[in-house]
Amino acid sequence: MSEKNKNTSPLSKTKVTLFAIVVVLIGLIAIGPSILKKLTRNEPSLVQMEDSEESIDRVIVVSMPEDGQFYLGREPVNSLEALREALQERLNRLPLDEKVIYIKAASKVSYGEVVRVGDIVKSLGLAPRLVTQKKSR
């Protein structure tokens, strides 16, 4: 092999690699914002949903301020079994496309307690959505 062929091969590989990276990045840039719009377009913030009088019946929020304390919306619930029954009753009143349950737990609530509530939601045929807050510094 001549000196010229040895030097052009690595350069052409580098060009192809850079071209592939640019193509992928352009694709991600072009698709990215539209995907984000689709994911967030129809879902107002949880605070807006909780405070809106018209959507108060559509939004199901299970709050857990401490271990063993449960609230369905703003109403206290005594036990996990009572929570299951109340959730089932609420879900029966909602149209199929609006069945979403949010779980909102304080930082002092144990992980196991949140998992138990999530299991109840899963047993009702839905995937729970967890509401978290940023850690204060």
Protein backbone atom coordinates (compact mmCIF):
# COMPACT_ATOMS: atom_id res chain seq x y z
CA MET A 1 0.00 0.00 0.00
CA SER A 2 1.18 3.45 -0.73
CA GLU A 3 1.38 6.25 1.83
CA LYS A 4 -1.55 8.01 0.17
CA ASN A 5 -3.98 5.08 0.66
CA LYS A 6 -3.06 4.65 4.32
CA ASN A 7 -3.96 8.27 5.12
CA THR A 8 -7.23 8.51 3.19
CA SER A 9 -8.86 5.44 4.69
CA PRO A 10 -9.00 6.72 8.30
CA LEU A 11 -10.08 10.13 7.02
CA SER A 12 -12.95 8.68 5.02
CA LYS A 13 -14.06 6.62 8.03
CA THR A 14 -14.07 9.78 10.13
CA LYS A 15 -16.12 11.61 7.50
CA VAL A 16 -18.70 8.81 7.37
CA THR A 17 -18.92 8.72 11.16
CA LEU A 18 -19.37 12.48 11.41
CA PHE A 19 -21.99 12.38 8.66
CA ALA A 20 -23.92 9.68 10.53
CA ILE A 21 -23.81 11.71 13.76
CA VAL A 22 -25.07 14.82 11.97
CA VAL A 23 -27.93 12.90 10.33
CA VAL A 24 -29.03 11.42 13.65
CA LEU A 25 -28.83 14.78 15.44
CA ILE A 26 -30.85 16.53 12.73
CA GLY A 27 -33.49 13.83 12.99
CA LEU A 28 -33.68 14.16 16.78
CA ILE A 29 -33.86 17.93 16.60
CA ALA A 30 -36.65 17.77 14.01
CA ILE A 31 -38.69 15.16 15.90
CA GLY A 32 -37.99 16.18 19.51
CA PRO A 33 -40.23 19.24 19.97
CA SER A 34 -43.24 17.62 18.29
CA ILE A 35 -42.99 14.62 20.60
CA LEU A 36 -42.82 16.88 23.64
CA LYS A 37 -45.87 18.81 22.42
CA LYS A 38 -47.82 15.58 21.97
CA LEU A 39 -46.92 14.38 25.45
CA THR A 40 -47.82 17.60 27.22
CA ARG A 41 -50.48 19.12 24.99
CA ASN A 42 -53.55 17.50 26.54
CA GLU A 43 -52.44 17.31 30.14
CA PRO A 44 -52.70 20.45 32.27
CA SER A 45 -50.69 20.59 35.45
CA LEU A 46 -51.97 18.67 38.44
CA VAL A 47 -52.50 21.88 40.40
CA GLN A 48 -54.68 23.29 37.61
CA MET A 49 -56.69 20.08 37.49
CA GLU A 50 -57.20 19.89 41.25
CA ASP A 51 -58.33 23.51 41.48
CA SER A 52 -60.64 23.48 38.48
CA GLU A 53 -64.26 22.92 39.48
CA GLU A 54 -65.23 21.38 36.13
CA SER A 55 -62.48 18.77 36.21
CA ILE A 56 -62.61 17.90 39.90
CA ASP A 57 -64.62 14.77 39.09
CA ARG A 58 -62.33 13.73 36.22
CA VAL A 59 -59.05 13.87 38.11
CA ILE A 60 -58.36 11.22 40.70
CA VAL A 61 -55.55 12.11 43.09
CA VAL A 62 -54.50 9.89 45.98
CA SER A 63 -52.52 11.98 48.47
CA MET A 64 -50.37 10.51 51.22
CA PRO A 65 -49.13 13.13 53.71
CA GLU A 66 -47.84 10.48 56.15
CA ASP A 67 -47.61 6.70 56.43
CA GLY A 68 -51.08 5.25 56.90
CA GLN A 69 -52.91 8.46 55.91
CA PHE A 70 -54.72 8.52 52.59
CA TYR A 71 -56.80 11.17 50.86
CA LEU A 72 -58.87 10.64 47.75
CA GLY A 73 -59.03 14.15 46.40
CA ARG A 74 -59.67 16.15 49.56
CA GLU A 75 -61.58 13.43 51.42
CA PRO A 76 -59.75 11.30 54.02
CA VAL A 77 -59.83 7.53 53.56
CA ASN A 78 -59.31 5.21 56.55
CA SER A 79 -57.57 2.17 55.07
CA LEU A 80 -56.14 0.66 51.91
CA GLU A 81 -59.26 -1.48 51.43
CA ALA A 82 -61.50 1.58 51.77
CA LEU A 83 -59.23 3.34 49.27
CA ARG A 84 -59.62 0.47 46.79
CA GLU A 85 -63.41 0.61 47.09
CA ALA A 86 -63.53 4.40 46.74
CA LEU A 87 -61.24 4.29 43.69
CA GLN A 88 -63.36 1.59 42.05
CA GLU A 89 -66.50 3.65 42.65
CA ARG A 90 -64.88 6.77 41.16
CA LEU A 91 -63.55 4.86 38.14
CA ASN A 92 -66.97 3.42 37.36
CA ARG A 93 -68.30 6.97 36.91
CA LEU A 94 -65.59 8.07 34.48
CA PRO A 95 -65.44 7.56 30.70
CA LEU A 96 -62.81 5.07 29.57
CA ASP A 97 -60.45 7.69 28.08
CA GLU A 98 -60.33 9.78 31.28
CA LYS A 99 -59.28 7.09 33.73
CA VAL A 100 -56.03 8.38 35.23
CA ILE A 101 -54.95 8.13 38.85
CA TYR A 102 -52.19 10.30 40.31
CA ILE A 103 -50.37 9.30 43.48
CA LYS A 104 -48.94 12.19 45.44
CA ALA A 105 -46.86 11.29 48.50
CA ALA A 106 -44.91 13.42 50.95
CA SER A 107 -41.19 12.77 51.21
CA LYS A 108 -41.60 11.24 54.68
CA VAL A 109 -43.93 8.50 53.38
CA SER A 110 -42.18 5.16 53.11
CA TYR A 111 -41.54 3.73 49.66
CA GLY A 112 -43.40 0.55 50.59
CA GLU A 113 -46.57 2.49 51.34
CA VAL A 114 -46.44 4.18 47.93
CA VAL A 115 -45.91 0.79 46.28
CA ARG A 116 -48.96 -0.64 48.07
CA VAL A 117 -51.13 2.19 46.73
CA GLY A 118 -49.59 1.71 43.27
CA ASP A 119 -50.47 -1.99 43.45
CA ILE A 120 -54.09 -1.10 44.21
CA VAL A 121 -54.19 1.16 41.16
CA LYS A 122 -52.64 -1.59 39.01
CA SER A 123 -55.20 -4.11 40.29
CA LEU A 124 -57.90 -1.76 38.98
CA GLY A 125 -56.37 -2.01 35.50
CA LEU A 126 -54.56 1.33 35.36
CA ALA A 127 -50.96 2.47 35.48
CA PRO A 128 -50.43 4.89 38.38
CA ARG A 129 -48.83 8.25 37.70
CA LEU A 130 -46.56 9.49 40.43
CA VAL A 131 -46.40 13.17 41.32
CA THR A 132 -43.07 14.28 42.69
CA GLN A 133 -41.60 17.57 43.69
CA LYS A 134 -38.11 18.88 43.31
CA LYS A 135 -35.86 18.39 46.27
CA SER A 136 -35.33 21.69 48.07
CA ARG A 137 -31.73 22.73 48.52
